[in-house]
C-alpha atoms as a PDB file:
ATOM      1  CA  UNK A   1      48.382 -40.194 -24.876  1.00  0.00           C
ATOM      2  CA  UNK A   2      48.860 -36.802 -25.844  1.00  0.00           C
ATOM      3  CA  UNK A   3      47.888 -33.471 -24.111  1.00  0.00           C
ATOM      4  CA  UNK A   4      49.117 -30.418 -22.338  1.00  0.00           C
ATOM      5  CA  UNK A   5      50.537 -31.445 -19.007  1.00  0.00           C
ATOM      6  CA  UNK A   6      50.214 -27.954 -17.342  1.00  0.00           C
ATOM      7  CA  UNK A   7      47.388 -26.007 -19.122  1.00  0.00           C
ATOM      8  CA  UNK A   8      47.146 -22.244 -18.254  1.00  0.00           C
ATOM      9  CA  UNK A   9      44.143 -21.005 -16.406  1.00  0.00           C
ATOM     10  CA  UNK A  10      43.040 -18.306 -19.150  1.00  0.00           C
ATOM     11  CA  UNK A  11      39.890 -17.284 -16.842  1.00  0.00           C
ATOM     12  CA  UNK A  12      40.160 -16.855 -12.876  1.00  0.00           C
ATOM     13  CA  UNK A  13      38.068 -19.400 -10.905  1.00  0.00           C
ATOM     14  CA  UNK A  14      37.526 -21.655 -14.214  1.00  0.00           C
ATOM     15  CA  UNK A  15      40.177 -24.357 -14.356  1.00  0.00           C
ATOM     16  CA  UNK A  16      41.715 -25.284 -17.792  1.00  0.00           C
ATOM     17  CA  UNK A  17      42.285 -28.803 -17.221  1.00  0.00           C
ATOM     18  CA  UNK A  18      44.709 -31.153 -19.689  1.00  0.00           C
ATOM     19  CA  UNK A  19      43.143 -32.663 -22.655  1.00  0.00           C
ATOM     20  CA  UNK A  20      44.701 -36.002 -23.368  1.00  0.00           C
ATOM     21  CA  UNK A  21      43.657 -38.184 -26.184  1.00  0.00           C
ATOM     22  CA  UNK A  22      44.601 -41.696 -27.219  1.00  0.00           C
ATOM     23  CA  UNK A  23      45.455 -42.833 -30.866  1.00  0.00           C
ATOM     24  CA  UNK A  24      45.243 -46.406 -31.640  1.00  0.00           C
ATOM     25  CA  UNK A  25      46.740 -47.880 -34.684  1.00  0.00           C
ATOM     26  CA  UNK A  26      45.228 -51.278 -35.588  1.00  0.00           C
ATOM     27  CA  UNK A  27      45.142 -53.613 -38.648  1.00  0.00           C
ATOM     28  CA  UNK A  28      41.462 -55.159 -38.212  1.00  0.00           C
ATOM     29  CA  UNK A  29      40.082 -54.036 -41.646  1.00  0.00           C
ATOM     30  CA  UNK A  30      43.138 -52.882 -43.571  1.00  0.00           C
ATOM     31  CA  UNK A  31      46.404 -54.212 -44.450  1.00  0.00           C
ATOM     32  CA  UNK A  32      47.874 -50.551 -44.077  1.00  0.00           C
ATOM     33  CA  UNK A  33      46.363 -49.927 -40.657  1.00  0.00           C
ATOM     34  CA  UNK A  34      44.022 -47.767 -39.815  1.00  0.00           C
ATOM     35  CA  UNK A  35      44.001 -45.066 -36.661  1.00  0.00           C
ATOM     36  CA  UNK A  36      41.383 -44.129 -34.071  1.00  0.00           C
ATOM     37  CA  UNK A  37      41.692 -41.074 -32.203  1.00  0.00           C
ATOM     38  CA  UNK A  38      39.627 -40.651 -28.971  1.00  0.00           C
ATOM     39  CA  UNK A  39      38.099 -38.579 -28.058  1.00  0.00           C
ATOM     40  CA  UNK A  40      37.084 -36.709 -31.475  1.00  0.00           C
ATOM     41  CA  UNK A  41      38.191 -33.349 -31.490  1.00  0.00           C
ATOM     42  CA  UNK A  42      35.877 -30.704 -32.701  1.00  0.00           C
ATOM     43  CA  UNK A  43      38.511 -27.753 -32.593  1.00  0.00           C
ATOM     44  CA  UNK A  44      42.130 -27.950 -34.528  1.00  0.00           C
ATOM     45  CA  UNK A  45      44.828 -28.281 -31.876  1.00  0.00           C
ATOM     46  CA  UNK A  46      48.245 -27.357 -33.567  1.00  0.00           C
ATOM     47  CA  UNK A  47      51.300 -29.729 -32.337  1.00  0.00           C
ATOM     48  CA  UNK A  48      53.311 -27.600 -29.745  1.00  0.00           C
ATOM     49  CA  UNK A  49      55.309 -30.496 -28.817  1.00  0.00           C
ATOM     50  CA  UNK A  50      56.012 -34.001 -30.412  1.00  0.00           C
ATOM     51  CA  UNK A  51      57.472 -36.730 -28.175  1.00  0.00           C
ATOM     52  CA  UNK A  52      57.467 -38.932 -30.906  1.00  0.00           C
ATOM     53  CA  UNK A  53      55.894 -42.562 -31.180  1.00  0.00           C
ATOM     54  CA  UNK A  54      55.729 -44.744 -28.275  1.00  0.00           C
ATOM     55  CA  UNK A  55      55.437 -48.319 -29.068  1.00  0.00           C
ATOM     56  CA  UNK A  56      53.929 -50.512 -26.046  1.00  0.00           C
ATOM     57  CA  UNK A  57      54.546 -53.703 -27.872  1.00  0.00           C
ATOM     58  CA  UNK A  58      57.607 -56.111 -26.786  1.00  0.00           C
ATOM     59  CA  UNK A  59      60.783 -54.995 -28.550  1.00  0.00           C
ATOM     60  CA  UNK A  60      61.827 -57.706 -30.938  1.00  0.00           C
ATOM     61  CA  UNK A  61      65.512 -57.016 -30.277  1.00  0.00           C
ATOM     62  CA  UNK A  62      66.606 -57.100 -26.638  1.00  0.00           C
ATOM     63  CA  UNK A  63      69.075 -54.490 -25.585  1.00  0.00           C
ATOM     64  CA  UNK A  64      71.625 -54.921 -22.533  1.00  0.00           C
ATOM     65  CA  UNK A  65      71.049 -52.163 -19.849  1.00  0.00           C
ATOM     66  CA  UNK A  66      74.423 -52.386 -18.969  1.00  0.00           C
ATOM     67  CA  UNK A  67      75.777 -51.615 -22.540  1.00  0.00           C
ATOM     68  CA  UNK A  68      73.515 -48.500 -22.622  1.00  0.00           C
ATOM     69  CA  UNK A  69      75.746 -45.641 -23.520  1.00  0.00           C
ATOM     70  CA  UNK A  70      73.056 -42.740 -23.792  1.00  0.00           C
ATOM     71  CA  UNK A  71      73.929 -41.498 -20.397  1.00  0.00           C
ATOM     72  CA  UNK A  72      77.360 -39.748 -21.722  1.00  0.00           C
ATOM     73  CA  UNK A  73      76.888 -36.368 -20.957  1.00  0.00           C
END
């Protein structure tokens, strides 16, 4: 899912709601995969913030949360 979390209302009284979209990567018809983007956009919107790829599948390697050392600030 992607989109602006807090769009600015450019015109008073007209809400500018976030425009989320979904990208689906599937391997149904091609071995190298195919991406479907919904909804199909008619206007190019440049990337302003890239969170990265979020994998929704089960990870192949289990990481023990007690050994997670990412909170060393």
